[in-house]
Amino acid sequence: MATAVPRESSRSALAAAVDAALVLRLGLAVLFAANALVAWVDPDDFTSLVEDSGVGRLIDSQVVLWGIRVNDFVVALAVLFAWNRFPRFVPAWVGLYLLGVGVIKVAALV
């Protein structure tokens, strides 16, 4: 009597190739790349946020703007290409950066 050997369907192979961490990394990379692009196209949104939060009193808003432009582009690349190479550094960098953005946005509301 022959026993049936389970075959891996193409659907489960795709699910194995696209795991949750990959989807998260792609989403974060697109988010950071889009934010870097918006910082180039519409810089007034960022400079007004920096001024409204009070950070503009400590650091010139143009310096923060350039930091956002460069950092967001580099983070997008790091999330795509360096996540596995530096598995503690890249997620910590992303997390700290998002924490900072959240603090600045809340400070701008106050």
Protein backbone atom coordinates (compact mmCIF):
# COMPACT_ATOMS: atom_id res chain seq x y z
CA MET A 1 0.00 0.00 0.00
CA ALA A 2 1.42 3.32 -1.04
CA THR A 3 1.24 6.24 1.29
CA ALA A 4 0.57 9.70 0.06
CA VAL A 5 3.51 12.05 0.33
CA PRO A 6 2.39 15.58 1.09
CA ARG A 7 3.54 17.97 -1.58
CA GLU A 8 4.39 21.54 -0.86
CA SER A 9 1.97 23.65 -2.78
CA SER A 10 3.06 26.81 -4.51
CA ARG A 11 0.96 28.78 -2.06
CA SER A 12 2.78 27.47 1.00
CA ALA A 13 6.13 28.01 -0.75
CA LEU A 14 5.17 31.62 -1.31
CA ALA A 15 4.07 31.97 2.31
CA ALA A 16 7.42 30.57 3.44
CA ALA A 17 9.32 33.02 1.24
CA VAL A 18 7.30 36.05 2.31
CA ASP A 19 7.33 36.07 6.07
CA ALA A 20 6.11 38.76 8.42
CA ALA A 21 9.57 40.24 8.97
CA LEU A 22 10.06 40.75 5.24
CA VAL A 23 6.68 42.46 4.91
CA LEU A 24 7.52 44.67 7.89
CA ARG A 25 10.91 45.58 6.40
CA LEU A 26 9.40 46.43 3.02
CA GLY A 27 6.71 48.56 4.65
CA LEU A 28 9.23 50.44 6.78
CA ALA A 29 11.53 50.97 3.81
CA VAL A 30 8.70 52.44 1.72
CA LEU A 31 7.59 54.61 4.64
CA PHE A 32 11.07 56.04 5.22
CA ALA A 33 11.78 56.51 1.50
CA ALA A 34 8.47 58.34 1.02
CA ASN A 35 9.19 60.53 4.05
CA ALA A 36 12.63 61.40 2.66
CA LEU A 37 11.04 62.31 -0.66
CA VAL A 38 8.40 64.49 1.00
CA ALA A 39 11.17 66.26 2.93
CA TRP A 40 12.64 67.27 -0.44
CA VAL A 41 9.34 68.14 -2.16
CA ASP A 42 7.50 69.88 0.70
CA PRO A 43 10.04 70.96 3.32
CA ASP A 44 7.67 73.45 4.96
CA ASP A 45 5.74 70.61 6.64
CA PHE A 46 8.89 69.51 8.42
CA THR A 47 10.28 72.90 9.32
CA SER A 48 6.93 74.04 10.74
CA LEU A 49 6.69 70.85 12.81
CA VAL A 50 10.19 71.43 14.17
CA GLU A 51 9.37 75.04 15.03
CA ASP A 52 6.01 74.16 16.61
CA SER A 53 7.60 71.46 18.79
CA GLY A 54 10.21 73.82 20.22
CA VAL A 55 13.13 71.87 18.80
CA GLY A 56 13.76 74.84 16.53
CA ARG A 57 14.96 76.79 19.58
CA LEU A 58 17.75 74.25 20.13
CA ILE A 59 18.65 73.29 16.57
CA ASP A 60 18.07 75.28 13.39
CA SER A 61 15.09 73.83 11.52
CA GLN A 62 17.11 73.65 8.28
CA VAL A 63 19.68 71.44 10.00
CA VAL A 64 16.90 69.16 11.24
CA LEU A 65 15.40 69.13 7.73
CA TRP A 66 18.68 67.96 6.21
CA GLY A 67 18.98 65.38 8.97
CA ILE A 68 15.52 64.05 8.11
CA ARG A 69 16.29 63.93 4.40
CA VAL A 70 19.54 62.02 4.84
CA ASN A 71 18.49 59.84 7.77
CA ASP A 72 15.23 58.67 6.24
CA PHE A 73 16.93 57.71 2.97
CA VAL A 74 19.73 55.87 4.78
CA VAL A 75 17.25 54.12 7.11
CA ALA A 76 15.21 52.94 4.10
CA LEU A 77 18.34 51.40 2.60
CA ALA A 78 19.46 49.93 5.92
CA VAL A 79 16.08 48.31 6.53
CA LEU A 80 16.26 46.67 3.11
CA PHE A 81 19.91 45.71 2.90
CA ALA A 82 21.47 45.70 6.38
CA TRP A 83 18.73 44.27 8.62
CA ASN A 84 20.22 40.77 8.70
CA ARG A 85 23.81 41.96 8.80
CA PHE A 86 23.23 44.17 11.85
CA PRO A 87 20.17 42.54 13.48
CA ARG A 88 20.32 44.62 16.65
CA PHE A 89 21.56 47.95 15.34
CA VAL A 90 19.13 48.57 12.47
CA PRO A 91 15.90 47.80 14.41
CA ALA A 92 17.18 49.84 17.37
CA TRP A 93 17.99 52.75 15.03
CA VAL A 94 14.52 52.58 13.49
CA GLY A 95 12.85 52.32 16.90
CA LEU A 96 14.75 55.23 18.43
CA TYR A 97 14.12 57.38 15.37
CA LEU A 98 10.37 56.65 15.45
CA LEU A 99 10.34 57.38 19.18
CA GLY A 100 11.97 60.75 18.50
CA VAL A 101 9.47 61.54 15.76
CA GLY A 102 6.61 60.68 18.08
CA VAL A 103 7.97 62.91 20.85
CA ILE A 104 8.39 65.82 18.42
CA LYS A 105 4.86 65.39 17.05
CA VAL A 106 3.35 65.28 20.54
CA ALA A 107 5.42 68.31 21.59
CA ALA A 108 4.10 70.21 18.57
CA LEU A 109 0.53 69.55 19.77
CA VAL A 110 1.16 70.97 23.23
